[in-house]
Amino acid sequence: MRKTKLTVEQVLEARLRYASGEREFSRLAGDYGVSRSAIANAVLGYTFKHIPMPPRKR
């Protein structure tokens, strides 16, 4: 079994931060101690698919 570096709570928080306008993946990655690609994939829903995405702004 693989060990996940991000918790469900961290993914939810990062997705909400992204949805509210924080678009710098490098900053988010630094805040959570993971790579830029790991946070980008989690925030954009390519990984952690079982966690719901926040509603999109119109």
N, C-alpha and C. Protein backbone atom coordinates (compact mmCIF):
# COMPACT_ATOMS: atom_id res chain seq x y z
N MET A 1 0.85 -1.19 0.00
CA MET A 1 0.00 0.00 0.00
C MET A 1 0.89 1.25 0.00
N ARG A 2 0.51 2.23 -0.80
CA ARG A 2 1.26 3.47 -0.88
C ARG A 2 0.93 4.39 0.27
N LYS A 3 1.92 5.18 0.66
CA LYS A 3 1.68 6.20 1.68
C LYS A 3 1.36 7.52 0.97
N THR A 4 0.27 8.14 1.35
CA THR A 4 -0.13 9.42 0.79
C THR A 4 0.50 10.55 1.57
N LYS A 5 1.06 11.51 0.87
CA LYS A 5 1.70 12.63 1.55
C LYS A 5 0.71 13.69 1.97
N LEU A 6 -0.37 13.81 1.23
CA LEU A 6 -1.40 14.79 1.56
C LEU A 6 -2.55 14.08 2.25
N THR A 7 -3.11 14.72 3.25
CA THR A 7 -4.30 14.18 3.90
C THR A 7 -5.54 14.67 3.17
N VAL A 8 -6.65 14.05 3.44
CA VAL A 8 -7.92 14.48 2.85
C VAL A 8 -8.20 15.93 3.23
N GLU A 9 -7.94 16.26 4.49
CA GLU A 9 -8.19 17.64 4.96
C GLU A 9 -7.32 18.64 4.20
N GLN A 10 -6.06 18.28 3.96
CA GLN A 10 -5.16 19.18 3.24
C GLN A 10 -5.62 19.37 1.79
N VAL A 11 -6.07 18.29 1.16
CA VAL A 11 -6.56 18.40 -0.22
C VAL A 11 -7.78 19.30 -0.27
N LEU A 12 -8.71 19.10 0.64
CA LEU A 12 -9.91 19.96 0.68
C LEU A 12 -9.53 21.42 0.87
N GLU A 13 -8.63 21.67 1.81
CA GLU A 13 -8.20 23.04 2.07
C GLU A 13 -7.51 23.64 0.84
N ALA A 14 -6.63 22.89 0.22
CA ALA A 14 -5.92 23.37 -0.96
C ALA A 14 -6.89 23.65 -2.10
N ARG A 15 -7.88 22.79 -2.28
CA ARG A 15 -8.88 23.01 -3.33
C ARG A 15 -9.69 24.26 -3.06
N LEU A 16 -10.04 24.49 -1.82
CA LEU A 16 -10.78 25.71 -1.48
C LEU A 16 -9.92 26.95 -1.69
N ARG A 17 -8.65 26.87 -1.32
CA ARG A 17 -7.75 28.00 -1.55
C ARG A 17 -7.63 28.30 -3.03
N TYR A 18 -7.50 27.25 -3.84
CA TYR A 18 -7.40 27.43 -5.28
C TYR A 18 -8.68 28.04 -5.84
N ALA A 19 -9.82 27.52 -5.39
CA ALA A 19 -11.11 28.02 -5.86
C ALA A 19 -11.35 29.47 -5.47
N SER A 20 -10.74 29.89 -4.36
CA SER A 20 -10.93 31.28 -3.92
C SER A 20 -9.91 32.23 -4.54
N GLY A 21 -9.07 31.73 -5.45
CA GLY A 21 -8.20 32.63 -6.19
C GLY A 21 -6.71 32.42 -6.00
N GLU A 22 -6.31 31.56 -5.10
CA GLU A 22 -4.88 31.28 -4.92
C GLU A 22 -4.44 30.33 -6.03
N ARG A 23 -3.74 30.86 -7.01
CA ARG A 23 -3.42 30.08 -8.20
C ARG A 23 -1.95 29.64 -8.29
N GLU A 24 -1.12 30.00 -7.35
CA GLU A 24 0.30 29.64 -7.41
C GLU A 24 0.54 28.26 -6.80
N PHE A 25 0.68 27.26 -7.68
CA PHE A 25 0.89 25.91 -7.21
C PHE A 25 2.18 25.77 -6.41
N SER A 26 3.20 26.54 -6.78
CA SER A 26 4.47 26.43 -6.04
C SER A 26 4.30 26.90 -4.60
N ARG A 27 3.50 27.91 -4.38
CA ARG A 27 3.25 28.38 -3.01
C ARG A 27 2.44 27.34 -2.23
N LEU A 28 1.38 26.83 -2.85
CA LEU A 28 0.57 25.79 -2.20
C LEU A 28 1.43 24.57 -1.88
N ALA A 29 2.26 24.17 -2.83
CA ALA A 29 3.13 23.01 -2.62
C ALA A 29 4.05 23.23 -1.43
N GLY A 30 4.62 24.42 -1.33
CA GLY A 30 5.49 24.74 -0.20
C GLY A 30 4.75 24.70 1.12
N ASP A 31 3.53 25.20 1.12
CA ASP A 31 2.73 25.21 2.35
C ASP A 31 2.42 23.81 2.85
N TYR A 32 2.28 22.86 1.93
CA TYR A 32 1.92 21.49 2.31
C TYR A 32 3.10 20.52 2.26
N GLY A 33 4.26 21.01 1.86
CA GLY A 33 5.46 20.17 1.87
C GLY A 33 5.47 19.07 0.83
N VAL A 34 4.86 19.34 -0.33
CA VAL A 34 4.84 18.37 -1.42
C VAL A 34 5.34 19.04 -2.70
N SER A 35 5.51 18.26 -3.75
CA SER A 35 5.96 18.83 -5.02
C SER A 35 4.85 19.64 -5.68
N ARG A 36 5.26 20.48 -6.60
CA ARG A 36 4.31 21.31 -7.34
C ARG A 36 3.34 20.41 -8.12
N SER A 37 3.85 19.35 -8.73
CA SER A 37 2.98 18.47 -9.51
C SER A 37 2.00 17.72 -8.61
N ALA A 38 2.43 17.34 -7.42
CA ALA A 38 1.54 16.63 -6.49
C ALA A 38 0.36 17.51 -6.08
N ILE A 39 0.64 18.77 -5.76
CA ILE A 39 -0.45 19.66 -5.33
C ILE A 39 -1.34 20.03 -6.52
N ALA A 40 -0.75 20.25 -7.68
CA ALA A 40 -1.54 20.59 -8.87
C ALA A 40 -2.48 19.44 -9.21
N ASN A 41 -1.98 18.22 -9.20
CA ASN A 41 -2.82 17.06 -9.52
C ASN A 41 -3.95 16.89 -8.50
N ALA A 42 -3.67 17.12 -7.23
CA ALA A 42 -4.68 17.00 -6.19
C ALA A 42 -5.73 18.11 -6.31
N VAL A 43 -5.28 19.33 -6.53
CA VAL A 43 -6.19 20.48 -6.60
C VAL A 43 -7.08 20.40 -7.85
N LEU A 44 -6.52 19.94 -8.95
CA LEU A 44 -7.28 19.88 -10.19
C LEU A 44 -8.11 18.61 -10.33
N GLY A 45 -7.97 17.70 -9.37
CA GLY A 45 -8.82 16.51 -9.34
C GLY A 45 -8.30 15.31 -10.10
N TYR A 46 -7.04 15.35 -10.54
CA TYR A 46 -6.46 14.19 -11.22
C TYR A 46 -6.13 13.08 -10.23
N THR A 47 -5.83 13.46 -9.01
CA THR A 47 -5.66 12.51 -7.92
C THR A 47 -6.69 12.86 -6.86
N PHE A 48 -6.88 12.00 -5.91
CA PHE A 48 -7.89 12.20 -4.86
C PHE A 48 -9.27 12.39 -5.48
N LYS A 49 -9.57 11.55 -6.46
CA LYS A 49 -10.84 11.67 -7.19
C LYS A 49 -12.05 11.39 -6.30
N HIS A 50 -11.83 10.69 -5.21
CA HIS A 50 -12.93 10.36 -4.30
C HIS A 50 -13.36 11.54 -3.43
N ILE A 51 -12.57 12.62 -3.45
CA ILE A 51 -12.88 13.81 -2.66
C ILE A 51 -13.63 14.80 -3.55
N PRO A 52 -14.77 15.30 -3.10
CA PRO A 52 -15.54 16.22 -3.95
C PRO A 52 -14.80 17.54 -4.22
N MET A 53 -15.06 18.05 -5.40
CA MET A 53 -14.48 19.34 -5.79
C MET A 53 -15.39 20.45 -5.27
N PRO A 54 -14.81 21.62 -4.92
CA PRO A 54 -15.65 22.75 -4.50
C PRO A 54 -16.43 23.28 -5.70
N PRO A 55 -17.55 23.94 -5.45
CA PRO A 55 -18.33 24.50 -6.57
C PRO A 55 -17.51 25.56 -7.31
N ARG A 56 -17.71 25.60 -8.60
CA ARG A 56 -17.00 26.60 -9.42
C ARG A 56 -17.75 27.92 -9.39
N LYS A 57 -16.98 29.01 -9.42
CA LYS A 57 -17.60 30.34 -9.50
C LYS A 57 -18.06 30.59 -10.92
N ARG A 58 -19.12 31.34 -11.06
CA ARG A 58 -19.63 31.64 -12.40
C ARG A 58 -19.31 33.03 -12.79
